[in-house]
Amino acid sequence: MSQLSSSGHAMPDNHDAMHEHQGSLRGYLTGFVLAAILTVIPFWLVMGHVIANKPLLILVILALAIVQIFVHIVYFLHLDTRSEAGWNMMAFIFTAVLVIIVLGASIWVMYNENVNMMPMSPQYQQHSIGHQPASNPPTR
């Protein structure tokens, strides 16, 4: 049975249901240690020149960044399929998809704009901005 609060709203008998998303100290420490490790590894990879292949290095760093995002989601934001009957997770997934679409479309548009720009005239490519070509005196 529900109890009434001082404001007249019904409160569940089980107070654990209200605080089910609060993390424990152990959970926060686990998340902190994982986040710290996932931050130090890319620095070590770059500063120690561990992977010579740049595209592979970028992919490894991106993969570690994605793993770190999930660590933050689980350990600090406490988003899972159980919270609010899964609606919090669905809202997060919807937001993530929209962000990916907007970022991807923006990069695509900027790339196509760069590719389709009119090339500069050769006279402007040879001279620096501060250097004005000498004009020929008018002939009579």
N, C-alpha and C. Protein backbone atom coordinates (compact mmCIF):
# COMPACT_ATOMS: atom_id res chain seq x y z
N MET A 1 0.84 -1.17 0.00
CA MET A 1 0.00 0.00 0.00
C MET A 1 0.89 1.23 0.00
N SER A 2 0.43 2.29 -0.61
CA SER A 2 1.21 3.53 -0.69
C SER A 2 0.92 4.41 0.50
N GLN A 3 1.92 5.18 0.87
CA GLN A 3 1.78 6.15 1.94
C GLN A 3 1.69 7.53 1.33
N LEU A 4 1.04 8.45 2.03
CA LEU A 4 0.96 9.83 1.54
C LEU A 4 2.11 10.64 2.11
N SER A 5 2.74 11.43 1.28
CA SER A 5 3.80 12.31 1.75
C SER A 5 3.17 13.56 2.34
N SER A 6 4.00 14.46 2.85
CA SER A 6 3.49 15.69 3.45
C SER A 6 2.81 16.57 2.40
N SER A 7 3.17 16.40 1.14
CA SER A 7 2.54 17.20 0.08
C SER A 7 1.29 16.53 -0.46
N GLY A 8 0.94 15.34 0.06
CA GLY A 8 -0.27 14.65 -0.38
C GLY A 8 -0.07 13.69 -1.53
N HIS A 9 1.17 13.53 -2.01
CA HIS A 9 1.44 12.60 -3.10
C HIS A 9 1.69 11.22 -2.54
N ALA A 10 1.35 10.21 -3.34
CA ALA A 10 1.55 8.83 -2.91
C ALA A 10 3.03 8.47 -3.01
N MET A 11 3.57 7.83 -1.97
CA MET A 11 4.95 7.37 -1.96
C MET A 11 4.93 5.85 -1.90
N PRO A 12 5.76 5.17 -2.67
CA PRO A 12 5.78 3.71 -2.58
C PRO A 12 6.33 3.27 -1.24
N ASP A 13 5.86 2.09 -0.80
CA ASP A 13 6.35 1.53 0.45
C ASP A 13 7.83 1.22 0.36
N ASN A 14 8.27 0.81 -0.79
CA ASN A 14 9.66 0.41 -0.97
C ASN A 14 10.49 1.64 -1.35
N HIS A 15 11.25 2.18 -0.41
CA HIS A 15 12.08 3.36 -0.69
C HIS A 15 13.26 3.02 -1.58
N ASP A 16 13.60 1.74 -1.72
CA ASP A 16 14.69 1.34 -2.61
C ASP A 16 14.33 1.59 -4.06
N ALA A 17 13.04 1.52 -4.38
CA ALA A 17 12.61 1.75 -5.76
C ALA A 17 12.90 3.20 -6.17
N MET A 18 12.81 4.13 -5.21
CA MET A 18 13.08 5.52 -5.53
C MET A 18 14.56 5.78 -5.73
N HIS A 19 15.41 5.01 -5.10
CA HIS A 19 16.85 5.25 -5.15
C HIS A 19 17.59 4.15 -5.89
N GLU A 20 16.91 3.47 -6.79
CA GLU A 20 17.57 2.35 -7.45
C GLU A 20 18.67 2.79 -8.39
N HIS A 21 18.66 4.05 -8.82
CA HIS A 21 19.66 4.51 -9.78
C HIS A 21 20.85 5.19 -9.12
N GLN A 22 20.84 5.31 -7.82
CA GLN A 22 22.00 5.88 -7.16
C GLN A 22 23.10 4.85 -7.13
N GLY A 23 24.30 5.27 -7.52
CA GLY A 23 25.41 4.35 -7.57
C GLY A 23 26.06 4.18 -6.21
N SER A 24 26.72 3.07 -6.07
CA SER A 24 27.47 2.82 -4.85
C SER A 24 28.89 3.35 -5.02
N LEU A 25 29.59 3.45 -3.92
CA LEU A 25 30.98 3.90 -3.98
C LEU A 25 31.80 2.95 -4.83
N ARG A 26 31.53 1.66 -4.69
CA ARG A 26 32.27 0.67 -5.48
C ARG A 26 32.01 0.86 -6.98
N GLY A 27 30.76 1.15 -7.34
CA GLY A 27 30.43 1.37 -8.75
C GLY A 27 31.12 2.60 -9.32
N TYR A 28 31.11 3.68 -8.52
CA TYR A 28 31.77 4.90 -8.98
C TYR A 28 33.29 4.72 -9.08
N LEU A 29 33.88 4.02 -8.14
CA LEU A 29 35.32 3.78 -8.21
C LEU A 29 35.68 2.89 -9.39
N THR A 30 34.85 1.88 -9.65
CA THR A 30 35.08 1.02 -10.82
C THR A 30 35.01 1.86 -12.09
N GLY A 31 34.00 2.71 -12.20
CA GLY A 31 33.87 3.57 -13.38
C GLY A 31 35.04 4.53 -13.51
N PHE A 32 35.49 5.08 -12.38
CA PHE A 32 36.61 6.01 -12.41
C PHE A 32 37.89 5.32 -12.88
N VAL A 33 38.15 4.12 -12.34
CA VAL A 33 39.37 3.39 -12.71
C VAL A 33 39.32 3.02 -14.19
N LEU A 34 38.17 2.53 -14.66
CA LEU A 34 38.05 2.17 -16.08
C LEU A 34 38.22 3.41 -16.97
N ALA A 35 37.60 4.53 -16.58
CA ALA A 35 37.73 5.75 -17.38
C ALA A 35 39.17 6.25 -17.40
N ALA A 36 39.85 6.16 -16.26
CA ALA A 36 41.25 6.60 -16.21
C ALA A 36 42.13 5.71 -17.09
N ILE A 37 41.92 4.41 -17.02
CA ILE A 37 42.70 3.49 -17.86
C ILE A 37 42.42 3.75 -19.34
N LEU A 38 41.15 3.96 -19.68
CA LEU A 38 40.80 4.21 -21.07
C LEU A 38 41.24 5.59 -21.55
N THR A 39 41.64 6.46 -20.65
CA THR A 39 42.22 7.75 -21.02
C THR A 39 43.73 7.65 -21.17
N VAL A 40 44.37 6.90 -20.30
CA VAL A 40 45.83 6.79 -20.31
C VAL A 40 46.32 5.97 -21.51
N ILE A 41 45.59 4.93 -21.89
CA ILE A 41 46.04 4.06 -22.99
C ILE A 41 46.24 4.85 -24.29
N PRO A 42 45.29 5.69 -24.75
CA PRO A 42 45.55 6.46 -25.98
C PRO A 42 46.75 7.39 -25.88
N PHE A 43 46.93 8.04 -24.71
CA PHE A 43 48.11 8.88 -24.53
C PHE A 43 49.39 8.05 -24.68
N TRP A 44 49.42 6.89 -24.07
CA TRP A 44 50.58 6.02 -24.16
C TRP A 44 50.82 5.58 -25.60
N LEU A 45 49.73 5.24 -26.32
CA LEU A 45 49.87 4.80 -27.71
C LEU A 45 50.46 5.91 -28.59
N VAL A 46 50.03 7.14 -28.36
CA VAL A 46 50.50 8.25 -29.20
C VAL A 46 51.90 8.71 -28.78
N MET A 47 52.08 8.93 -27.49
CA MET A 47 53.36 9.46 -27.02
C MET A 47 54.50 8.44 -27.13
N GLY A 48 54.18 7.16 -27.00
CA GLY A 48 55.21 6.13 -27.09
C GLY A 48 55.42 5.61 -28.49
N HIS A 49 54.67 6.14 -29.47
CA HIS A 49 54.77 5.68 -30.86
C HIS A 49 54.68 4.15 -30.92
N VAL A 50 53.69 3.61 -30.22
CA VAL A 50 53.52 2.16 -30.13
C VAL A 50 53.03 1.59 -31.46
N ILE A 51 52.10 2.27 -32.11
CA ILE A 51 51.56 1.81 -33.40
C ILE A 51 52.03 2.78 -34.46
N ALA A 52 52.79 2.27 -35.42
CA ALA A 52 53.35 3.13 -36.46
C ALA A 52 52.33 3.47 -37.54
N ASN A 53 51.37 2.59 -37.77
CA ASN A 53 50.37 2.78 -38.80
C ASN A 53 49.32 3.78 -38.30
N LYS A 54 49.30 5.00 -38.90
CA LYS A 54 48.41 6.06 -38.41
C LYS A 54 46.93 5.71 -38.52
N PRO A 55 46.46 5.18 -39.63
CA PRO A 55 45.02 4.84 -39.68
C PRO A 55 44.63 3.80 -38.62
N LEU A 56 45.49 2.83 -38.38
CA LEU A 56 45.21 1.84 -37.34
C LEU A 56 45.21 2.49 -35.96
N LEU A 57 46.14 3.39 -35.73
CA LEU A 57 46.21 4.11 -34.46
C LEU A 57 44.92 4.91 -34.22
N ILE A 58 44.45 5.59 -35.25
CA ILE A 58 43.21 6.36 -35.13
C ILE A 58 42.03 5.45 -34.83
N LEU A 59 41.95 4.31 -35.50
CA LEU A 59 40.85 3.37 -35.24
C LEU A 59 40.91 2.82 -33.82
N VAL A 60 42.10 2.52 -33.32
CA VAL A 60 42.23 2.01 -31.95
C VAL A 60 41.80 3.08 -30.95
N ILE A 61 42.21 4.33 -31.19
CA ILE A 61 41.83 5.41 -30.28
C ILE A 61 40.32 5.64 -30.33
N LEU A 62 39.73 5.60 -31.51
CA LEU A 62 38.28 5.75 -31.61
C LEU A 62 37.54 4.61 -30.90
N ALA A 63 38.04 3.39 -31.04
CA ALA A 63 37.42 2.25 -30.35
C ALA A 63 37.50 2.43 -28.83
N LEU A 64 38.65 2.87 -28.33
CA LEU A 64 38.79 3.12 -26.90
C LEU A 64 37.87 4.25 -26.44
N ALA A 65 37.66 5.25 -27.29
CA ALA A 65 36.75 6.35 -26.95
C ALA A 65 35.31 5.85 -26.86
N ILE A 66 34.92 4.97 -27.76
CA ILE A 66 33.56 4.40 -27.72
C ILE A 66 33.37 3.56 -26.47
N VAL A 67 34.38 2.77 -26.11
CA VAL A 67 34.29 1.98 -24.88
C VAL A 67 34.17 2.91 -23.68
N GLN A 68 34.92 4.02 -23.69
CA GLN A 68 34.85 4.95 -22.57
C GLN A 68 33.47 5.62 -22.49
N ILE A 69 32.86 5.89 -23.61
CA ILE A 69 31.51 6.45 -23.60
C ILE A 69 30.56 5.48 -22.91
N PHE A 70 30.66 4.19 -23.21
CA PHE A 70 29.79 3.20 -22.57
C PHE A 70 30.09 3.07 -21.08
N VAL A 71 31.35 3.20 -20.69
CA VAL A 71 31.69 3.18 -19.26
C VAL A 71 30.99 4.34 -18.55
N HIS A 72 31.03 5.52 -19.15
CA HIS A 72 30.36 6.68 -18.54
C HIS A 72 28.85 6.48 -18.49
N ILE A 73 28.29 5.93 -19.55
CA ILE A 73 26.83 5.72 -19.58
C ILE A 73 26.41 4.75 -18.48
N VAL A 74 27.15 3.67 -18.31
CA VAL A 74 26.74 2.64 -17.35
C VAL A 74 27.07 3.04 -15.92
N TYR A 75 28.29 3.49 -15.67
CA TYR A 75 28.73 3.71 -14.29
C TYR A 75 28.38 5.09 -13.73
N PHE A 76 28.24 6.11 -14.59
CA PHE A 76 27.99 7.44 -14.07
C PHE A 76 26.58 7.93 -14.38
N LEU A 77 26.07 7.66 -15.58
CA LEU A 77 24.71 8.08 -15.92
C LEU A 77 23.67 7.04 -15.50
N HIS A 78 24.11 5.84 -15.22
CA HIS A 78 23.25 4.74 -14.78
C HIS A 78 22.11 4.46 -15.76
N LEU A 79 22.40 4.55 -17.04
CA LEU A 79 21.40 4.23 -18.05
C LEU A 79 21.46 2.75 -18.35
N ASP A 80 20.34 2.10 -18.21
CA ASP A 80 20.22 0.71 -18.59
C ASP A 80 18.78 0.45 -19.01
N THR A 81 18.49 -0.75 -19.42
CA THR A 81 17.15 -1.06 -19.91
C THR A 81 16.14 -1.16 -18.78
N ARG A 82 16.59 -1.21 -17.54
CA ARG A 82 15.67 -1.31 -16.40
C ARG A 82 15.15 0.04 -15.94
N SER A 83 15.89 1.11 -16.18
CA SER A 83 15.48 2.42 -15.67
C SER A 83 14.29 2.95 -16.47
N GLU A 84 13.25 3.38 -15.75
CA GLU A 84 12.03 3.94 -16.35
C GLU A 84 11.48 3.02 -17.43
N ALA A 85 11.51 1.74 -17.19
CA ALA A 85 10.99 0.72 -18.11
C ALA A 85 11.65 0.81 -19.49
N GLY A 86 12.90 1.24 -19.52
CA GLY A 86 13.66 1.29 -20.77
C GLY A 86 13.54 2.60 -21.52
N TRP A 87 12.69 3.52 -21.07
CA TRP A 87 12.49 4.76 -21.80
C TRP A 87 13.71 5.67 -21.75
N ASN A 88 14.45 5.66 -20.66
CA ASN A 88 15.67 6.47 -20.60
C ASN A 88 16.67 6.00 -21.64
N MET A 89 16.82 4.69 -21.77
CA MET A 89 17.76 4.14 -22.76
C MET A 89 17.28 4.44 -24.17
N MET A 90 15.98 4.33 -24.40
CA MET A 90 15.46 4.62 -25.74
C MET A 90 15.68 6.09 -26.10
N ALA A 91 15.47 6.99 -25.14
CA ALA A 91 15.70 8.41 -25.39
C ALA A 91 17.18 8.66 -25.68
N PHE A 92 18.05 7.99 -24.95
CA PHE A 92 19.49 8.15 -25.18
C PHE A 92 19.88 7.64 -26.57
N ILE A 93 19.37 6.48 -26.95
CA ILE A 93 19.68 5.91 -28.27
C ILE A 93 19.17 6.83 -29.37
N PHE A 94 17.97 7.36 -29.21
CA PHE A 94 17.40 8.28 -30.19
C PHE A 94 18.28 9.52 -30.34
N THR A 95 18.72 10.07 -29.21
CA THR A 95 19.58 11.24 -29.24
C THR A 95 20.91 10.93 -29.90
N ALA A 96 21.50 9.77 -29.57
CA ALA A 96 22.78 9.37 -30.17
C ALA A 96 22.65 9.21 -31.69
N VAL A 97 21.56 8.60 -32.14
CA VAL A 97 21.35 8.43 -33.59
C VAL A 97 21.24 9.79 -34.27
N LEU A 98 20.49 10.71 -33.66
CA LEU A 98 20.35 12.05 -34.25
C LEU A 98 21.70 12.77 -34.31
N VAL A 99 22.49 12.67 -33.26
CA VAL A 99 23.81 13.32 -33.25
C VAL A 99 24.70 12.72 -34.34
N ILE A 100 24.68 11.41 -34.47
CA ILE A 100 25.50 10.75 -35.50
C ILE A 100 25.05 11.19 -36.89
N ILE A 101 23.75 11.27 -37.12
CA ILE A 101 23.24 11.70 -38.43
C ILE A 101 23.67 13.14 -38.71
N VAL A 102 23.51 14.04 -37.74
CA VAL A 102 23.87 15.45 -37.95
C VAL A 102 25.36 15.61 -38.19
N LEU A 103 26.19 14.94 -37.37
CA LEU A 103 27.64 15.04 -37.56
C LEU A 103 28.07 14.43 -38.89
N GLY A 104 27.54 13.26 -39.21
CA GLY A 104 27.89 12.61 -40.48
C GLY A 104 27.48 13.46 -41.68
N ALA A 105 26.27 14.01 -41.64
CA ALA A 105 25.82 14.85 -42.75
C ALA A 105 26.65 16.12 -42.85
N SER A 106 27.03 16.70 -41.72
CA SER A 106 27.85 17.91 -41.74
C SER A 106 29.21 17.64 -42.35
N ILE A 107 29.83 16.54 -41.96
CA ILE A 107 31.14 16.18 -42.52
C ILE A 107 31.02 15.90 -44.01
N TRP A 108 29.94 15.21 -44.41
CA TRP A 108 29.72 14.91 -45.82
C TRP A 108 29.55 16.19 -46.63
N VAL A 109 28.76 17.13 -46.13
CA VAL A 109 28.53 18.39 -46.84
C VAL A 109 29.83 19.18 -46.94
N MET A 110 30.58 19.28 -45.85
CA MET A 110 31.84 20.04 -45.89
C MET A 110 32.85 19.38 -46.84
N TYR A 111 32.90 18.06 -46.86
CA TYR A 111 33.82 17.38 -47.78
C TYR A 111 33.43 17.67 -49.22
N ASN A 112 32.13 17.56 -49.53
CA ASN A 112 31.69 17.82 -50.91
C ASN A 112 31.88 19.28 -51.30
N GLU A 113 31.69 20.20 -50.37
CA GLU A 113 31.95 21.60 -50.65
C GLU A 113 33.42 21.81 -50.99
N ASN A 114 34.30 21.18 -50.25
CA ASN A 114 35.73 21.31 -50.49
C ASN A 114 36.12 20.72 -51.84
N VAL A 115 35.56 19.57 -52.17
CA VAL A 115 35.91 18.91 -53.44
C VAL A 115 35.39 19.70 -54.62
N ASN A 116 34.21 20.29 -54.47
CA ASN A 116 33.57 20.97 -55.59
C ASN A 116 33.88 22.46 -55.68
N MET A 117 34.78 22.96 -54.84
CA MET A 117 35.14 24.37 -54.91
C MET A 117 35.88 24.64 -56.22
N MET A 118 35.69 25.84 -56.75
CA MET A 118 36.38 26.23 -57.96
C MET A 118 37.86 26.40 -57.63
N PRO A 119 38.75 25.82 -58.42
CA PRO A 119 40.18 25.98 -58.12
C PRO A 119 40.60 27.43 -58.27
N MET A 120 41.61 27.78 -57.51
CA MET A 120 42.12 29.15 -57.58
C MET A 120 42.85 29.37 -58.89
N SER A 121 42.84 30.59 -59.33
CA SER A 121 43.55 30.97 -60.54
C SER A 121 45.05 30.81 -60.30
N PRO A 122 45.80 30.36 -61.30
CA PRO A 122 47.25 30.17 -61.11
C PRO A 122 47.97 31.44 -60.68
N GLN A 123 47.51 32.62 -61.09
CA GLN A 123 48.20 33.84 -60.70
C GLN A 123 48.12 34.07 -59.20
N TYR A 124 47.06 33.61 -58.55
CA TYR A 124 46.94 33.78 -57.10
C TYR A 124 47.70 32.69 -56.34
N GLN A 125 47.90 31.55 -56.96
CA GLN A 125 48.64 30.48 -56.30
C GLN A 125 50.14 30.77 -56.27
N GLN A 126 50.67 31.53 -57.24
CA GLN A 126 52.10 31.80 -57.32
C GLN A 126 52.54 32.91 -56.37
N HIS A 127 51.67 33.85 -56.08
CA HIS A 127 52.04 35.01 -55.30
C HIS A 127 51.45 34.91 -53.90
N SER A 128 52.22 35.44 -52.98
CA SER A 128 51.68 35.49 -51.63
C SER A 128 50.70 36.64 -51.52
N ILE A 129 49.95 36.68 -50.45
CA ILE A 129 48.92 37.69 -50.29
C ILE A 129 49.54 39.09 -50.18
N GLY A 130 50.64 39.22 -49.46
CA GLY A 130 51.26 40.53 -49.25
C GLY A 130 52.00 41.06 -50.48
N HIS A 131 52.28 40.21 -51.42
CA HIS A 131 53.07 40.59 -52.59
C HIS A 131 52.13 40.95 -53.72
N GLN A 132 52.16 42.20 -54.15
CA GLN A 132 51.34 42.64 -55.26
C GLN A 132 52.20 42.60 -56.54
N PRO A 133 51.69 42.01 -57.61
CA PRO A 133 52.48 42.02 -58.85
C PRO A 133 52.61 43.45 -59.37
N ALA A 134 53.80 43.75 -59.91
CA ALA A 134 54.04 45.09 -60.45
C ALA A 134 53.18 45.28 -61.68
N SER A 135 52.52 46.41 -61.72
CA SER A 135 51.67 46.68 -62.89
C SER A 135 52.51 47.31 -63.98
N ASN A 136 52.22 46.99 -65.19
CA ASN A 136 52.92 47.57 -66.33
C ASN A 136 52.39 48.97 -66.57
N PRO A 137 53.32 49.90 -66.89
CA PRO A 137 52.83 51.25 -67.18
C PRO A 137 51.97 51.23 -68.45
N PRO A 138 50.98 52.08 -68.46
CA PRO A 138 50.11 52.09 -69.65
C PRO A 138 50.87 52.55 -70.89
N THR A 139 50.57 51.97 -71.99
CA THR A 139 51.25 52.33 -73.27
C THR A 139 50.38 53.35 -73.98
N ARG A 140 51.05 54.28 -74.72
CA ARG A 140 50.32 55.31 -75.45
C ARG A 140 50.35 55.09 -76.88
